[in-house]
Protein backbone atom coordinates (compact mmCIF):
# COMPACT_ATOMS: atom_id res chain seq x y z
CA UNK A 1 2.71 -9.90 -19.45
CA UNK A 2 4.01 -6.43 -18.04
CA UNK A 3 2.50 -2.93 -19.36
CA UNK A 4 5.66 -1.24 -19.77
CA UNK A 5 4.15 2.09 -20.32
CA UNK A 6 3.34 2.14 -16.44
CA UNK A 7 5.70 2.60 -13.91
CA UNK A 8 3.84 0.90 -11.40
CA UNK A 9 3.48 -2.04 -13.68
CA UNK A 10 7.18 -2.26 -14.24
CA UNK A 11 8.27 -1.75 -10.75
CA UNK A 12 5.58 -4.64 -9.21
CA UNK A 13 6.36 -7.18 -12.29
CA UNK A 14 7.52 -10.64 -10.93
CA UNK A 15 8.79 -13.92 -13.17
CA UNK A 16 7.90 -17.77 -11.94
CA UNK A 17 10.83 -19.65 -11.99
CA UNK A 18 9.98 -22.56 -10.20
CA UNK A 19 7.61 -24.64 -8.30
CA UNK A 20 8.97 -26.49 -5.33
CA UNK A 21 6.77 -28.83 -2.87
CA UNK A 22 4.09 -26.51 -4.36
CA UNK A 23 5.44 -23.18 -3.60
CA UNK A 24 5.98 -21.08 -6.42
CA UNK A 25 9.05 -19.01 -6.59
CA UNK A 26 9.12 -15.89 -8.46
CA UNK A 27 12.35 -13.56 -9.44
CA UNK A 28 11.35 -9.65 -8.63
CA UNK A 29 12.95 -6.74 -8.00
CA UNK A 30 12.55 -4.01 -5.71
CA UNK A 31 12.79 -0.74 -7.93
CA UNK A 32 14.64 3.00 -6.85
CA UNK A 33 12.38 5.27 -5.85
CA UNK A 34 9.39 3.74 -4.23
CA UNK A 35 11.26 4.41 -0.86
CA UNK A 36 10.89 6.50 2.17
CA UNK A 37 14.23 7.69 3.30
CA UNK A 38 16.10 4.75 1.01
CA UNK A 39 13.88 1.76 2.47
CA UNK A 40 10.41 0.33 0.23
CA UNK A 41 7.52 1.28 1.24
CA UNK A 42 5.63 -1.19 3.02
CA UNK A 43 2.29 -0.47 0.31
CA UNK A 44 4.62 -1.15 -2.70
CA UNK A 45 6.22 -4.23 -1.41
CA UNK A 46 2.69 -5.54 -0.43
CA UNK A 47 1.71 -4.70 -3.77
CA UNK A 48 4.60 -6.06 -5.29
CA UNK A 49 3.85 -9.51 -3.85
CA UNK A 50 0.34 -9.11 -4.33
CA UNK A 51 1.12 -9.44 -8.07
CA UNK A 52 2.75 -12.54 -7.50
CA UNK A 53 -0.47 -13.92 -5.54
CA UNK A 54 -2.64 -13.32 -8.12
CA UNK A 55 -0.35 -14.49 -10.72
CA UNK A 56 -0.19 -18.06 -8.82
CA UNK A 57 -4.21 -18.10 -8.08
CA UNK A 58 -5.26 -16.22 -10.79
CA UNK A 59 -7.57 -13.93 -9.27
CA UNK A 60 -7.18 -10.16 -9.53
CA UNK A 61 -7.99 -9.08 -5.91
CA UNK A 62 -6.64 -9.34 -2.57
CA UNK A 63 -10.00 -9.18 -0.53
CA UNK A 64 -7.77 -9.44 2.76
CA UNK A 65 -3.90 -9.68 2.98
CA UNK A 66 -2.17 -9.25 6.26
CA UNK A 67 1.78 -8.63 6.08
CA UNK A 68 4.34 -8.73 8.69
CA UNK A 69 7.33 -6.78 8.24
CA UNK A 70 10.84 -8.46 9.24
CA UNK A 71 12.96 -5.98 7.89
CA UNK A 72 13.90 -3.18 5.88
CA UNK A 73 14.21 -3.68 2.09
CA UNK A 74 16.20 -1.36 -0.11
CA UNK A 75 16.06 -1.67 -3.86
CA UNK A 76 17.67 -4.69 -5.30
CA UNK A 77 16.81 -8.02 -6.44
CA UNK A 78 13.97 -9.78 -4.68
CA UNK A 79 12.17 -13.50 -4.70
CA UNK A 80 8.42 -13.94 -3.73
CA UNK A 81 7.19 -17.48 -2.80
CA UNK A 82 3.83 -17.74 -2.63
CA UNK A 83 2.33 -21.07 -0.76
CA UNK A 84 -0.96 -22.32 -1.93
CA UNK A 85 -3.41 -22.96 1.02
CA UNK A 86 -6.63 -23.50 -0.15
CA UNK A 87 -8.84 -22.63 -3.39
CA UNK A 88 -12.77 -22.16 -3.35
CA UNK A 89 -15.41 -21.42 -5.81
CA UNK A 90 -15.20 -17.92 -4.65
CA UNK A 91 -11.67 -16.99 -2.62
CA UNK A 92 -8.50 -18.88 -2.34
CA UNK A 93 -5.94 -18.35 0.43
CA UNK A 94 -2.32 -18.18 0.24
CA UNK A 95 0.74 -17.42 2.06
CA UNK A 96 3.69 -15.23 0.69
CA UNK A 97 7.18 -14.27 1.57
CA UNK A 98 9.32 -11.84 0.01
CA UNK A 99 12.99 -12.05 0.07
CA UNK A 100 15.82 -9.61 -0.16
CA UNK A 101 18.36 -11.51 -2.57
CA UNK A 102 22.22 -9.95 -1.77
CA UNK A 103 25.41 -9.86 -4.10
CA UNK A 104 26.49 -13.21 -2.57
CA UNK A 105 22.88 -14.39 -3.44
CA UNK A 106 21.86 -15.20 0.04
CA UNK A 107 17.93 -14.28 0.63
CA UNK A 108 16.91 -12.68 4.07
CA UNK A 109 13.23 -12.60 4.46
CA UNK A 110 11.45 -9.14 4.86
CA UNK A 111 7.83 -9.51 4.61
CA UNK A 112 5.57 -12.31 5.46
CA UNK A 113 1.85 -12.37 4.43
CA UNK A 114 -1.33 -14.03 4.51
CA UNK A 115 -4.09 -13.33 1.78
CA UNK A 116 -7.65 -14.41 0.56
CA UNK A 117 -8.21 -13.50 -2.94
CA UNK A 118 -11.07 -12.78 -5.37
CA UNK A 119 -12.57 -11.46 -8.13
CA UNK A 120 -14.64 -8.75 -7.12
CA UNK A 121 -15.69 -7.93 -10.33
CA UNK A 122 -17.54 -10.95 -10.95
CA UNK A 123 -18.31 -11.77 -6.94
CA UNK A 124 -22.12 -13.22 -6.38
CA UNK A 125 -22.07 -10.47 -3.39
CA UNK A 126 -24.56 -9.96 -0.76
CA UNK A 127 -26.53 -7.65 1.29
CA UNK A 128 -24.80 -3.88 1.48
CA UNK A 129 -25.50 -1.49 4.01
CA UNK A 130 -23.78 1.52 4.50
CA UNK A 131 -23.37 3.28 8.17
CA UNK A 132 -22.01 6.52 6.97
CA UNK A 133 -21.37 7.97 3.59
CA UNK A 134 -17.43 9.06 2.66
CA UNK A 135 -15.88 11.56 5.02
CA UNK A 136 -15.39 15.64 3.89
CA UNK A 137 -12.40 16.48 1.89
CA UNK A 138 -11.43 19.21 -0.44
CA UNK A 139 -11.56 18.76 -4.34
CA UNK A 140 -8.84 16.97 -6.26
CA UNK A 141 -7.89 19.86 -7.48
CA UNK A 142 -8.10 21.90 -3.98
CA UNK A 143 -5.37 19.52 -2.64
CA UNK A 144 -1.70 19.89 -2.79
CA UNK A 145 0.38 18.06 -4.69
CA UNK A 146 2.73 16.57 -2.56
CA UNK A 147 5.61 15.75 -4.86
CA UNK A 148 5.69 19.80 -4.67
CA UNK A 149 6.00 19.79 -0.97
CA UNK A 150 9.21 19.37 1.23
CA UNK A 151 7.52 15.72 2.10
CA UNK A 152 9.39 14.72 -0.84
CA UNK A 153 12.63 15.09 0.36
CA UNK A 154 12.70 11.92 1.88
CA UNK A 155 9.00 10.50 0.92
CA UNK A 156 10.64 9.64 -2.74
CA UNK A 157 7.25 7.65 -3.18
CA UNK A 158 5.80 10.66 -4.03
CA UNK A 159 7.66 11.55 -7.37
CA UNK A 160 6.17 8.54 -8.89
CA UNK A 161 2.45 9.25 -7.88
CA UNK A 162 0.14 12.25 -8.19
CA UNK A 163 -1.12 12.24 -4.40
CA UNK A 164 -2.50 15.11 -3.28
CA UNK A 165 -3.09 15.94 0.26
CA UNK A 166 -5.89 18.46 2.12
CA UNK A 167 -4.18 21.79 3.03
CA UNK A 168 -5.07 21.64 6.57
CA UNK A 169 -3.46 17.91 7.11
CA UNK A 170 0.09 18.68 5.07
CA UNK A 171 0.67 22.22 7.05
CA UNK A 172 3.20 19.89 9.27
CA UNK A 173 5.55 20.72 6.44
CA UNK A 174 5.85 24.18 6.83
CA UNK A 175 5.81 23.62 10.95
CA UNK A 176 2.00 24.33 11.31
CA UNK A 177 0.65 20.91 12.37
CA UNK A 178 -3.00 20.88 12.78
CA UNK A 179 -2.84 18.94 16.03
CA UNK A 180 -5.44 16.27 14.85
CA UNK A 181 -3.52 12.65 13.89
CA UNK A 182 -5.67 12.95 10.67
CA UNK A 183 -4.56 12.78 6.77
CA UNK A 184 -6.90 13.28 4.13
CA UNK A 185 -5.41 13.21 0.50
CA UNK A 186 -6.05 11.30 -2.94
CA UNK A 187 -4.29 8.84 -4.48
CA UNK A 188 -3.44 8.61 -8.13
CA UNK A 189 -0.48 8.07 -10.31
CA UNK A 190 1.67 10.68 -12.23
CA UNK A 191 1.86 8.53 -15.20
CA UNK A 192 -1.72 8.27 -15.74
CA UNK A 193 -2.00 4.85 -15.01
CA UNK A 194 -5.76 3.66 -13.37
CA UNK A 195 -6.15 2.63 -10.09
CA UNK A 196 -7.19 -0.93 -9.69
CA UNK A 197 -7.07 -3.17 -6.57
CA UNK A 198 -3.43 -4.08 -6.47
CA UNK A 199 -2.71 -0.06 -6.34
CA UNK A 200 -5.03 -0.18 -3.45
CA UNK A 201 -2.51 -1.95 -1.66
CA UNK A 202 0.31 0.84 -1.94
CA UNK A 203 -2.50 3.62 -1.28
CA UNK A 204 -2.51 2.19 1.75
CA UNK A 205 0.59 3.23 3.24
CA UNK A 206 1.52 5.96 0.52
CA UNK A 207 0.65 8.95 2.70
CA UNK A 208 2.27 11.09 5.57
CA UNK A 209 1.54 9.48 8.87
CA UNK A 210 -1.29 11.13 10.76
CA UNK A 211 0.53 11.40 13.54
CA UNK A 212 3.05 14.27 11.98
CA UNK A 213 -0.14 16.44 13.12
CA UNK A 214 0.62 16.02 16.49
CA UNK A 215 3.91 17.71 16.19
CA UNK A 216 6.43 14.33 16.02
CA UNK A 217 9.56 14.59 13.96
CA UNK A 218 9.24 13.73 10.59
CA UNK A 219 10.95 10.65 9.85
CA UNK A 220 10.48 6.94 8.87
CA UNK A 221 7.68 5.08 10.07
CA UNK A 222 8.65 1.76 9.79
CA UNK A 223 5.50 -0.65 9.41
CA UNK A 224 5.57 -3.73 12.13
CA UNK A 225 1.78 -5.28 10.24
CA UNK A 226 -0.19 -3.86 7.60
CA UNK A 227 -3.75 -5.54 6.97
CA UNK A 228 -5.56 -4.39 4.21
CA UNK A 229 -9.53 -5.10 2.95
CA UNK A 230 -10.10 -4.59 -0.72
CA UNK A 231 -14.35 -4.04 -0.96
CA UNK A 232 -14.41 -2.88 -4.09
CA UNK A 233 -12.74 -2.35 -7.48
CA UNK A 234 -12.52 1.17 -7.82
CA UNK A 235 -14.49 3.60 -10.55
CA UNK A 236 -12.12 5.36 -13.03
CA UNK A 237 -10.15 8.39 -11.26
CA UNK A 238 -8.32 9.29 -8.47
CA UNK A 239 -9.37 7.57 -4.91
CA UNK A 240 -9.68 9.26 -1.73
CA UNK A 241 -7.84 8.56 1.22
CA UNK A 242 -8.60 9.08 4.81
CA UNK A 243 -6.18 7.67 7.64
CA UNK A 244 -6.71 8.73 11.35
CA UNK A 245 -4.24 7.41 14.81
CA UNK A 246 -5.97 6.99 17.99
CA UNK A 247 -2.98 5.90 20.11
CA UNK A 248 0.55 6.36 20.49
CA UNK A 249 1.76 3.94 23.17
CA UNK A 250 5.18 2.39 23.91
CA UNK A 251 6.75 3.75 20.87
CA UNK A 252 4.03 2.18 18.80
CA UNK A 253 0.73 3.45 17.11
CA UNK A 254 -1.87 2.27 14.79
CA UNK A 255 -3.11 4.19 11.90
CA UNK A 256 -6.79 3.58 10.33
CA UNK A 257 -7.54 4.16 6.80
CA UNK A 258 -10.24 4.12 4.39
CA UNK A 259 -10.09 4.40 0.49
CA UNK A 260 -13.09 5.87 -1.38
CA UNK A 261 -13.39 5.91 -5.24
CA UNK A 262 -15.04 8.70 -7.10
CA UNK A 263 -18.70 7.52 -6.99
CA UNK A 264 -18.52 7.58 -3.17
CA UNK A 265 -17.83 3.82 -2.83
CA UNK A 266 -15.99 2.25 -0.17
CA UNK A 267 -13.28 0.47 -2.17
CA UNK A 268 -10.77 -0.59 0.69
CA UNK A 269 -9.93 0.06 4.33
CA UNK A 270 -6.49 -0.44 6.14
CA UNK A 271 -5.14 -0.99 9.57
CA UNK A 272 -1.15 -0.59 10.32
CA UNK A 273 0.94 -0.93 13.55
CA UNK A 274 4.14 1.19 13.07
CA UNK A 275 6.65 2.60 15.01
CA UNK A 276 6.75 6.14 16.15
CA UNK A 277 9.34 8.41 14.40
CA UNK A 278 12.35 9.21 16.32
CA UNK A 279 13.47 12.28 14.07
């Protein structure tokens, strides 16, 4: 059942309609307001697919998911197809595709993913060793609400969220980029929804690109490929997010992300390859 009291749950809801040759077909919709300049945010699309994957496997957490983005996806009807590959005691592996459905009912594939899923709340786990603690970030209340900045002029996604940016890292919006390809902030929902593992897929792509602090134009940065590793179920509260880029080459950039919960636990890591903005 969809909890219709929260926008994210409505916007990522899916309904299974058939099983064909072992592939599970879901009706879905890409909702308005989760976009960057009219094209749905890559993390949001990943979370939509993640919802269907969990429905098929009965496992809530995408321990690892890699998606290749094949075409832009504006709001409208969609179809998700999930094909089980293997199911073990600890993990299940699936492939999944997201299709945009046009007015004539024709489908165009816009995303293809490979995922391994599990249940981190009951996972037997194993040895743990942290190489370092959470990087420095200002407290949540001292960071700047993204929906109240000029970033929201084209990143409509932030109107649904309570994302906050480190003041020094979002000064690019007023023409003062820091000169470091870094973006720090806090991820949360505007309507009070808790941040779960599926929301971490959205968080992985919910902040302005770190390269905006290198005096690049503010514009759409299309994701080519995005991988997210969910490492733990977040504790209650907002999630601290850190994104950095090291190389911009041949019009492509990489961005590495870390997400940490309020107890200082690493809950997710991400890496994406994206096209550099062109203004």
